[in-house]
Amino acid sequence: MPTFAEFDRRQYRTVDVATGYDGWAPTYEQTVMDEMDLALLDRLRRPRWHEVRRAADLGCGTGRTAAWLRRHGIDHIDGVDLSAGMLARARERGGHTSLTQGDVRDTGLPGGTYDLVIASLIDEHLPDLAPLYAEARRLTASAGVFVLVSYHPQFMMVSGMPTHYTDASGEPLAISTHLHSVSDHVTAGLAAGWQLAELREALIDDAWITVKPKWAALRGHPFTMASVWATQPSTG
């Protein structure tokens, strides 16, 4: 699999994940659109959100995902994030039961206790997917699920755009970005003991192009994807 550097068209100065998200935290909510991730969650058939008792929110950021989960009836949500700046925003929002500063690959959360482990728009920052899938499997209780929302590798290759933000000085900065194929996800998921239960893709359509006119040339390309991984086969 080629590296993202082979497709990078922006060539922004790159910073590490913690530095990048600390810097992005003040403006993150204004730059990330629900259509990128939350809209995909609305399309999933599994899990049955109202049946989830405990959730682990990995790479929880400012708490956008937790707020969505609470609107769908989930009351216990433990969040983990590497960035102190993002955690401060999540703490202000108040959607989590607990917040921990830590690595999504080694969270320190109790194993086997979560009906749902969820992560959104974080895996492109990991050089290897295997530790994320393994940690999610460790955390998940029997019959639990892992939901992962990712940037689609096709979008990353065609657009050549890294995860990036504009800092307080006006400089655009890239946050360390890695390219993972769909087969990389499947390989890592199966190796960790998961079974793929569902896969949804969000396409760049007219609504997106209205907001991002420069993306007209990307019409019809997949942008993000949501995968649902189960510890046992779906029964319906």
C-alpha atoms as a PDB file:
ATOM      1  CA  MET A   1       0.000   0.000   0.000  1.00  0.00           C
ATOM      2  CA  PRO A   2       1.463   3.410  -0.922  1.00  0.00           C
ATOM      3  CA  THR A   3       1.867   6.067   1.732  1.00  0.00           C
ATOM      4  CA  PHE A   4      -0.241   9.218   1.894  1.00  0.00           C
ATOM      5  CA  ALA A   5       2.887  11.280   1.151  1.00  0.00           C
ATOM      6  CA  GLU A   6       2.741   9.979  -2.435  1.00  0.00           C
ATOM      7  CA  PHE A   7      -0.659  11.662  -2.910  1.00  0.00           C
ATOM      8  CA  ASP A   8      -0.260  14.781  -0.739  1.00  0.00           C
ATOM      9  CA  ARG A   9      -1.051  17.818  -2.898  1.00  0.00           C
ATOM     10  CA  ARG A  10      -1.064  20.419  -0.130  1.00  0.00           C
ATOM     11  CA  GLN A  11       2.444  19.950   1.280  1.00  0.00           C
ATOM     12  CA  TYR A  12       1.538  21.771   4.465  1.00  0.00           C
ATOM     13  CA  ARG A  13       3.896  21.749   7.389  1.00  0.00           C
ATOM     14  CA  THR A  14       2.969  18.699   9.475  1.00  0.00           C
ATOM     15  CA  VAL A  15       2.581  18.515  13.239  1.00  0.00           C
ATOM     16  CA  ASP A  16       1.978  15.564  15.551  1.00  0.00           C
ATOM     17  CA  VAL A  17      -1.516  14.545  16.621  1.00  0.00           C
ATOM     18  CA  ALA A  18      -1.567  16.063  20.118  1.00  0.00           C
ATOM     19  CA  THR A  19      -0.066  19.365  18.937  1.00  0.00           C
ATOM     20  CA  GLY A  20      -2.431  19.530  15.980  1.00  0.00           C
ATOM     21  CA  TYR A  21      -5.636  18.892  17.871  1.00  0.00           C
ATOM     22  CA  ASP A  22      -4.635  21.195  20.709  1.00  0.00           C
ATOM     23  CA  GLY A  23      -4.256  23.923  18.098  1.00  0.00           C
ATOM     24  CA  TRP A  24      -7.447  22.994  16.261  1.00  0.00           C
ATOM     25  CA  ALA A  25      -9.649  22.662  19.348  1.00  0.00           C
ATOM     26  CA  PRO A  26     -10.881  26.316  19.431  1.00  0.00           C
ATOM     27  CA  THR A  27     -12.230  26.156  15.843  1.00  0.00           C
ATOM     28  CA  TYR A  28     -12.901  22.440  15.368  1.00  0.00           C
ATOM     29  CA  GLU A  29     -16.668  22.689  15.768  1.00  0.00           C
ATOM     30  CA  GLN A  30     -16.856  25.333  13.033  1.00  0.00           C
ATOM     31  CA  THR A  31     -14.895  23.301  10.475  1.00  0.00           C
ATOM     32  CA  VAL A  32     -16.156  19.711  10.840  1.00  0.00           C
ATOM     33  CA  MET A  33     -19.565  19.081   9.315  1.00  0.00           C
ATOM     34  CA  ASP A  34     -22.090  16.529  10.550  1.00  0.00           C
ATOM     35  CA  GLU A  35     -22.366  15.050   7.051  1.00  0.00           C
ATOM     36  CA  MET A  36     -18.833  13.744   7.435  1.00  0.00           C
ATOM     37  CA  ASP A  37     -19.597  11.389  10.298  1.00  0.00           C
ATOM     38  CA  LEU A  38     -22.827  11.848  12.267  1.00  0.00           C
ATOM     39  CA  ALA A  39     -24.991  11.541   9.163  1.00  0.00           C
ATOM     40  CA  LEU A  40     -23.421   8.153   8.496  1.00  0.00           C
ATOM     41  CA  LEU A  41     -24.301   6.994  12.003  1.00  0.00           C
ATOM     42  CA  ASP A  42     -27.940   7.814  11.222  1.00  0.00           C
ATOM     43  CA  ARG A  43     -27.815   5.376   8.290  1.00  0.00           C
ATOM     44  CA  LEU A  44     -26.528   2.371  10.228  1.00  0.00           C
ATOM     45  CA  ARG A  45     -28.843  -0.548  10.939  1.00  0.00           C
ATOM     46  CA  ARG A  46     -26.662  -1.728  13.801  1.00  0.00           C
ATOM     47  CA  PRO A  47     -26.199  -1.203  16.692  1.00  0.00           C
ATOM     48  CA  ARG A  48     -29.630  -0.611  18.144  1.00  0.00           C
ATOM     49  CA  TRP A  49     -28.546   2.556  19.868  1.00  0.00           C
ATOM     50  CA  HIS A  50     -31.276   2.603  22.516  1.00  0.00           C
ATOM     51  CA  GLU A  51     -30.139  -0.835  23.742  1.00  0.00           C
ATOM     52  CA  VAL A  52     -26.559   0.307  24.440  1.00  0.00           C
ATOM     53  CA  ARG A  53     -25.872   0.678  28.172  1.00  0.00           C
ATOM     54  CA  ARG A  54     -22.174   1.598  28.169  1.00  0.00           C
ATOM     55  CA  ALA A  55     -20.123   3.152  25.387  1.00  0.00           C
ATOM     56  CA  ALA A  56     -16.425   3.948  24.979  1.00  0.00           C
ATOM     57  CA  ASP A  57     -15.763   6.976  22.749  1.00  0.00           C
ATOM     58  CA  LEU A  58     -12.197   6.685  21.435  1.00  0.00           C
ATOM     59  CA  GLY A  59     -10.637   9.866  20.111  1.00  0.00           C
ATOM     60  CA  CYS A  60     -13.636  11.649  21.601  1.00  0.00           C
ATOM     61  CA  GLY A  61     -12.528  15.141  20.575  1.00  0.00           C
ATOM     62  CA  THR A  62     -14.847  17.977  21.532  1.00  0.00           C
ATOM     63  CA  GLY A  63     -17.708  15.636  22.382  1.00  0.00           C
ATOM     64  CA  ARG A  64     -19.679  15.796  19.108  1.00  0.00           C
ATOM     65  CA  THR A  65     -20.093  12.016  18.965  1.00  0.00           C
ATOM     66  CA  ALA A  66     -21.049  11.795  22.635  1.00  0.00           C
ATOM     67  CA  ALA A  67     -23.745  14.425  22.138  1.00  0.00           C
ATOM     68  CA  TRP A  68     -25.150  12.373  19.243  1.00  0.00           C
ATOM     69  CA  LEU A  69     -25.062   9.186  21.338  1.00  0.00           C
ATOM     70  CA  ARG A  70     -26.900  10.878  24.208  1.00  0.00           C
ATOM     71  CA  ARG A  71     -29.608  12.054  21.818  1.00  0.00           C
ATOM     72  CA  HIS A  72     -30.018   8.404  20.869  1.00  0.00           C
ATOM     73  CA  GLY A  73     -30.520   7.214  24.434  1.00  0.00           C
ATOM     74  CA  ILE A  74     -27.021   6.245  25.604  1.00  0.00           C
ATOM     75  CA  ASP A  75     -26.365   7.516  29.119  1.00  0.00           C
ATOM     76  CA  HIS A  76     -22.937   6.092  30.045  1.00  0.00           C
ATOM     77  CA  ILE A  77     -20.133   7.258  27.738  1.00  0.00           C
ATOM     78  CA  ASP A  78     -16.438   7.138  28.671  1.00  0.00           C
ATOM     79  CA  GLY A  79     -14.238   9.290  26.447  1.00  0.00           C
ATOM     80  CA  VAL A  80     -10.529   9.044  25.656  1.00  0.00           C
ATOM     81  CA  ASP A  81      -8.442  11.514  23.681  1.00  0.00           C
ATOM     82  CA  LEU A  82      -4.758  12.337  23.300  1.00  0.00           C
ATOM     83  CA  SER A  83      -5.333  16.097  23.122  1.00  0.00           C
ATOM     84  CA  ALA A  84      -5.777  18.097  26.315  1.00  0.00           C
ATOM     85  CA  GLY A  85      -7.287  20.914  24.271  1.00  0.00           C
ATOM     86  CA  MET A  86      -9.984  18.708  22.804  1.00  0.00           C
ATOM     87  CA  LEU A  87     -10.719  17.154  26.195  1.00  0.00           C
ATOM     88  CA  ALA A  88     -11.209  20.621  27.681  1.00  0.00           C
ATOM     89  CA  ARG A  89     -13.895  21.304  25.055  1.00  0.00           C
ATOM     90  CA  ALA A  90     -15.532  17.932  25.712  1.00  0.00           C
ATOM     91  CA  ARG A  91     -15.522  18.622  29.438  1.00  0.00           C
ATOM     92  CA  GLU A  92     -17.303  21.937  28.857  1.00  0.00           C
ATOM     93  CA  ARG A  93     -19.882  20.171  26.729  1.00  0.00           C
ATOM     94  CA  GLY A  94     -20.622  17.662  29.478  1.00  0.00           C
ATOM     95  CA  GLY A  95     -21.683  14.690  27.369  1.00  0.00           C
ATOM     96  CA  HIS A  96     -19.307  12.114  28.832  1.00  0.00           C
ATOM     97  CA  THR A  97     -19.521  10.140  32.045  1.00  0.00           C
ATOM     98  CA  SER A  98     -15.724  10.216  32.303  1.00  0.00           C
ATOM     99  CA  LEU A  99     -12.869  11.683  30.275  1.00  0.00           C
ATOM    100  CA  THR A 100      -9.326  10.326  30.123  1.00  0.00           C
ATOM    101  CA  GLN A 101      -6.278  11.713  28.367  1.00  0.00           C
ATOM    102  CA  GLY A 102      -4.685   8.764  26.635  1.00  0.00           C
ATOM    103  CA  ASP A 103      -3.906   6.795  23.490  1.00  0.00           C
ATOM    104  CA  VAL A 104      -6.775   5.066  21.686  1.00  0.00           C
ATOM    105  CA  ARG A 105      -4.513   2.033  21.215  1.00  0.00           C
ATOM    106  CA  ASP A 106      -3.986   1.628  24.961  1.00  0.00           C
ATOM    107  CA  THR A 107      -6.810   3.423  26.729  1.00  0.00           C
ATOM    108  CA  GLY A 108      -6.516   2.038  30.245  1.00  0.00           C
ATOM    109  CA  LEU A 109     -10.296   1.589  30.306  1.00  0.00           C
ATOM    110  CA  PRO A 110     -11.633  -1.660  31.820  1.00  0.00           C
ATOM    111  CA  GLY A 111     -11.804  -4.570  29.410  1.00  0.00           C
ATOM    112  CA  GLY A 112     -14.937  -6.436  28.432  1.00  0.00           C
ATOM    113  CA  THR A 113     -17.339  -3.831  29.784  1.00  0.00           C
ATOM    114  CA  TYR A 114     -18.699  -1.862  26.791  1.00  0.00           C
ATOM    115  CA  ASP A 115     -21.679  -2.693  24.583  1.00  0.00           C
ATOM    116  CA  LEU A 116     -20.356  -0.146  22.097  1.00  0.00           C
ATOM    117  CA  VAL A 117     -16.894   1.120  21.224  1.00  0.00           C
ATOM    118  CA  ILE A 118     -16.970   3.990  18.749  1.00  0.00           C
ATOM    119  CA  ALA A 119     -14.286   6.061  17.018  1.00  0.00           C
ATOM    120  CA  SER A 120     -14.749   8.777  14.420  1.00  0.00           C
ATOM    121  CA  LEU A 121     -12.240  10.317  12.019  1.00  0.00           C
ATOM    122  CA  ILE A 122      -9.142   9.259  13.930  1.00  0.00           C
ATOM    123  CA  ASP A 123      -7.674   6.186  12.255  1.00  0.00           C
ATOM    124  CA  GLU A 124      -5.865   8.205   9.568  1.00  0.00           C
ATOM    125  CA  HIS A 125      -3.532   9.368  12.319  1.00  0.00           C
ATOM    126  CA  LEU A 126      -2.392   5.826  13.153  1.00  0.00           C
ATOM    127  CA  PRO A 127       0.485   4.271  11.208  1.00  0.00           C
ATOM    128  CA  ASP A 128      -0.929   0.792  11.915  1.00  0.00           C
ATOM    129  CA  LEU A 129      -4.596  -0.100  12.379  1.00  0.00           C
ATOM    130  CA  ALA A 130      -4.063  -3.360  14.245  1.00  0.00           C
ATOM    131  CA  PRO A 131      -3.626  -1.852  17.741  1.00  0.00           C
ATOM    132  CA  LEU A 132      -6.856   0.167  17.429  1.00  0.00           C
ATOM    133  CA  TYR A 133      -8.922  -2.848  16.419  1.00  0.00           C
ATOM    134  CA  ALA A 134      -7.288  -4.966  19.137  1.00  0.00           C
ATOM    135  CA  GLU A 135      -7.966  -2.381  21.851  1.00  0.00           C
ATOM    136  CA  ALA A 136     -11.580  -1.999  20.732  1.00  0.00           C
ATOM    137  CA  ARG A 137     -11.985  -5.764  20.915  1.00  0.00           C
ATOM    138  CA  ARG A 138     -10.452  -5.854  24.404  1.00  0.00           C
ATOM    139  CA  LEU A 139     -12.888  -3.225  25.640  1.00  0.00           C
ATOM    140  CA  THR A 140     -16.011  -4.787  24.162  1.00  0.00           C
ATOM    141  CA  ALA A 141     -18.353  -7.039  26.105  1.00  0.00           C
ATOM    142  CA  SER A 142     -19.869 -10.191  24.673  1.00  0.00           C
ATOM    143  CA  ALA A 143     -22.217  -9.308  21.790  1.00  0.00           C
ATOM    144  CA  GLY A 144     -20.821  -5.749  21.685  1.00  0.00           C
ATOM    145  CA  VAL A 145     -19.971  -3.799  18.538  1.00  0.00           C
ATOM    146  CA  PHE A 146     -17.235  -1.480  17.297  1.00  0.00           C
ATOM    147  CA  VAL A 147     -18.305   1.400  15.045  1.00  0.00           C
ATOM    148  CA  LEU A 148     -15.560   3.180  13.133  1.00  0.00           C
ATOM    149  CA  VAL A 149     -16.059   6.230  10.912  1.00  0.00           C
ATOM    150  CA  SER A 150     -13.093   6.827   8.609  1.00  0.00           C
ATOM    151  CA  TYR A 151     -12.030   8.977   5.707  1.00  0.00           C
ATOM    152  CA  HIS A 152     -12.385   6.831   2.612  1.00  0.00           C
ATOM    153  CA  PRO A 153      -8.967   5.907   1.152  1.00  0.00           C
ATOM    154  CA  GLN A 154     -10.223   6.686  -2.354  1.00  0.00           C
ATOM    155  CA  PHE A 155     -11.011  10.262  -1.299  1.00  0.00           C
ATOM    156  CA  MET A 156      -7.599  10.656   0.303  1.00  0.00           C
ATOM    157  CA  MET A 157      -5.806   9.436  -2.822  1.00  0.00           C
ATOM    158  CA  VAL A 158      -7.885  11.438  -5.305  1.00  0.00           C
ATOM    159  CA  SER A 159      -8.035  14.678  -3.314  1.00  0.00           C
ATOM    160  CA  GLY A 160      -4.485  14.521  -1.944  1.00  0.00           C
ATOM    161  CA  MET A 161      -5.751  16.360   1.121  1.00  0.00           C
ATOM    162  CA  PRO A 162      -4.389  15.584   4.597  1.00  0.00           C
ATOM    163  CA  THR A 163      -6.296  16.211   7.799  1.00  0.00           C
ATOM    164  CA  HIS A 164      -5.520  19.881   8.397  1.00  0.00           C
ATOM    165  CA  TYR A 165      -6.560  23.067  10.153  1.00  0.00           C
ATOM    166  CA  THR A 166      -5.597  26.743  10.179  1.00  0.00           C
ATOM    167  CA  ASP A 167      -3.776  27.910  13.296  1.00  0.00           C
ATOM    168  CA  ALA A 168      -4.174  31.238  15.090  1.00  0.00           C
ATOM    169  CA  SER A 169      -1.514  32.848  12.892  1.00  0.00           C
ATOM    170  CA  GLY A 170      -3.354  31.842   9.717  1.00  0.00           C
ATOM    171  CA  GLU A 171      -0.954  29.084   8.715  1.00  0.00           C
ATOM    172  CA  PRO A 172      -2.546  25.883   7.383  1.00  0.00           C
ATOM    173  CA  LEU A 173      -1.075  22.876   9.184  1.00  0.00           C
ATOM    174  CA  ALA A 174      -1.411  19.183   8.422  1.00  0.00           C
ATOM    175  CA  ILE A 175      -1.808  16.673  11.234  1.00  0.00           C
ATOM    176  CA  SER A 176       0.180  13.480  10.736  1.00  0.00           C
ATOM    177  CA  THR A 177      -1.862  11.515   8.178  1.00  0.00           C
ATOM    178  CA  HIS A 178      -1.644   7.874   7.083  1.00  0.00           C
ATOM    179  CA  LEU A 179      -3.394   6.054   4.256  1.00  0.00           C
ATOM    180  CA  HIS A 180      -5.210   2.785   4.964  1.00  0.00           C
ATOM    181  CA  SER A 181      -6.991   0.721   2.319  1.00  0.00           C
ATOM    182  CA  VAL A 182     -10.324  -0.964   2.938  1.00  0.00           C
ATOM    183  CA  SER A 183      -8.450  -4.273   2.930  1.00  0.00           C
ATOM    184  CA  ASP A 184      -6.159  -2.921   5.677  1.00  0.00           C
ATOM    185  CA  HIS A 185      -9.262  -2.372   7.807  1.00  0.00           C
ATOM    186  CA  VAL A 186     -10.633  -5.827   7.055  1.00  0.00           C
ATOM    187  CA  THR A 187      -7.311  -7.497   7.774  1.00  0.00           C
ATOM    188  CA  ALA A 188      -6.895  -5.674  11.093  1.00  0.00           C
ATOM    189  CA  GLY A 189     -10.502  -6.284  12.095  1.00  0.00           C
ATOM    190  CA  LEU A 190     -10.443  -9.997  11.379  1.00  0.00           C
ATOM    191  CA  ALA A 191      -7.080 -10.429  13.111  1.00  0.00           C
ATOM    192  CA  ALA A 192      -8.545  -8.862  16.261  1.00  0.00           C
ATOM    193  CA  GLY A 193     -11.485 -11.278  16.250  1.00  0.00           C
ATOM    194  CA  TRP A 194     -14.111  -8.994  14.711  1.00  0.00           C
ATOM    195  CA  GLN A 195     -16.677  -9.820  12.050  1.00  0.00           C
ATOM    196  CA  LEU A 196     -17.703  -7.105   9.594  1.00  0.00           C
ATOM    197  CA  ALA A 197     -21.447  -6.569  10.025  1.00  0.00           C
ATOM    198  CA  GLU A 198     -22.089  -3.425   7.949  1.00  0.00           C
ATOM    199  CA  LEU A 199     -20.301  -0.882   5.759  1.00  0.00           C
ATOM    200  CA  ARG A 200     -21.752   2.452   4.613  1.00  0.00           C
ATOM    201  CA  GLU A 201     -20.177   5.121   2.418  1.00  0.00           C
ATOM    202  CA  ALA A 202     -20.916   8.831   2.089  1.00  0.00           C
ATOM    203  CA  LEU A 203     -20.543  10.180  -1.445  1.00  0.00           C
ATOM    204  CA  ILE A 204     -19.713  13.701  -2.557  1.00  0.00           C
ATOM    205  CA  ASP A 205     -23.056  14.914  -3.925  1.00  0.00           C
ATOM    206  CA  ASP A 206     -24.769  18.155  -4.873  1.00  0.00           C
ATOM    207  CA  ALA A 207     -25.301  19.113  -1.232  1.00  0.00           C
ATOM    208  CA  TRP A 208     -21.589  18.788  -0.540  1.00  0.00           C
ATOM    209  CA  ILE A 209     -20.631  20.707  -3.659  1.00  0.00           C
ATOM    210  CA  THR A 210     -22.952  23.554  -2.638  1.00  0.00           C
ATOM    211  CA  VAL A 211     -20.867  23.902   0.530  1.00  0.00           C
ATOM    212  CA  LYS A 212     -17.542  23.030  -1.127  1.00  0.00           C
ATOM    213  CA  PRO A 213     -17.750  24.245  -4.770  1.00  0.00           C
ATOM    214  CA  LYS A 214     -14.095  23.338  -5.381  1.00  0.00           C
ATOM    215  CA  TRP A 215     -15.058  19.692  -4.902  1.00  0.00           C
ATOM    216  CA  ALA A 216     -17.157  19.601  -8.086  1.00  0.00           C
ATOM    217  CA  ALA A 217     -14.521  17.499  -9.814  1.00  0.00           C
ATOM    218  CA  LEU A 218     -14.910  14.908  -7.036  1.00  0.00           C
ATOM    219  CA  ARG A 219     -18.662  14.448  -7.536  1.00  0.00           C
ATOM    220  CA  GLY A 220     -19.648  10.831  -6.940  1.00  0.00           C
ATOM    221  CA  HIS A 221     -16.469   9.851  -5.134  1.00  0.00           C
ATOM    222  CA  PRO A 222     -16.780   8.303  -1.662  1.00  0.00           C
ATOM    223  CA  PHE A 223     -15.746  10.718   1.089  1.00  0.00           C
ATOM    224  CA  THR A 224     -16.150   8.919   4.403  1.00  0.00           C
ATOM    225  CA  MET A 225     -17.235   5.431   5.424  1.00  0.00           C
ATOM    226  CA  ALA A 226     -18.709   3.827   8.520  1.00  0.00           C
ATOM    227  CA  SER A 227     -17.968   0.208   9.387  1.00  0.00           C
ATOM    228  CA  VAL A 228     -19.699  -1.852  12.059  1.00  0.00           C
ATOM    229  CA  TRP A 229     -17.773  -4.725  13.571  1.00  0.00           C
ATOM    230  CA  ALA A 230     -19.485  -7.403  15.639  1.00  0.00           C
ATOM    231  CA  THR A 231     -18.258  -9.946  18.160  1.00  0.00           C
ATOM    232  CA  GLN A 232     -20.841 -12.388  16.869  1.00  0.00           C
ATOM    233  CA  PRO A 233     -22.922 -12.747  13.687  1.00  0.00           C
ATOM    234  CA  SER A 234     -25.908 -10.459  13.252  1.00  0.00           C
ATOM    235  CA  THR A 235     -29.289 -12.152  13.762  1.00  0.00           C
ATOM    236  CA  GLY A 236     -31.265  -9.725  11.666  1.00  0.00           C
END
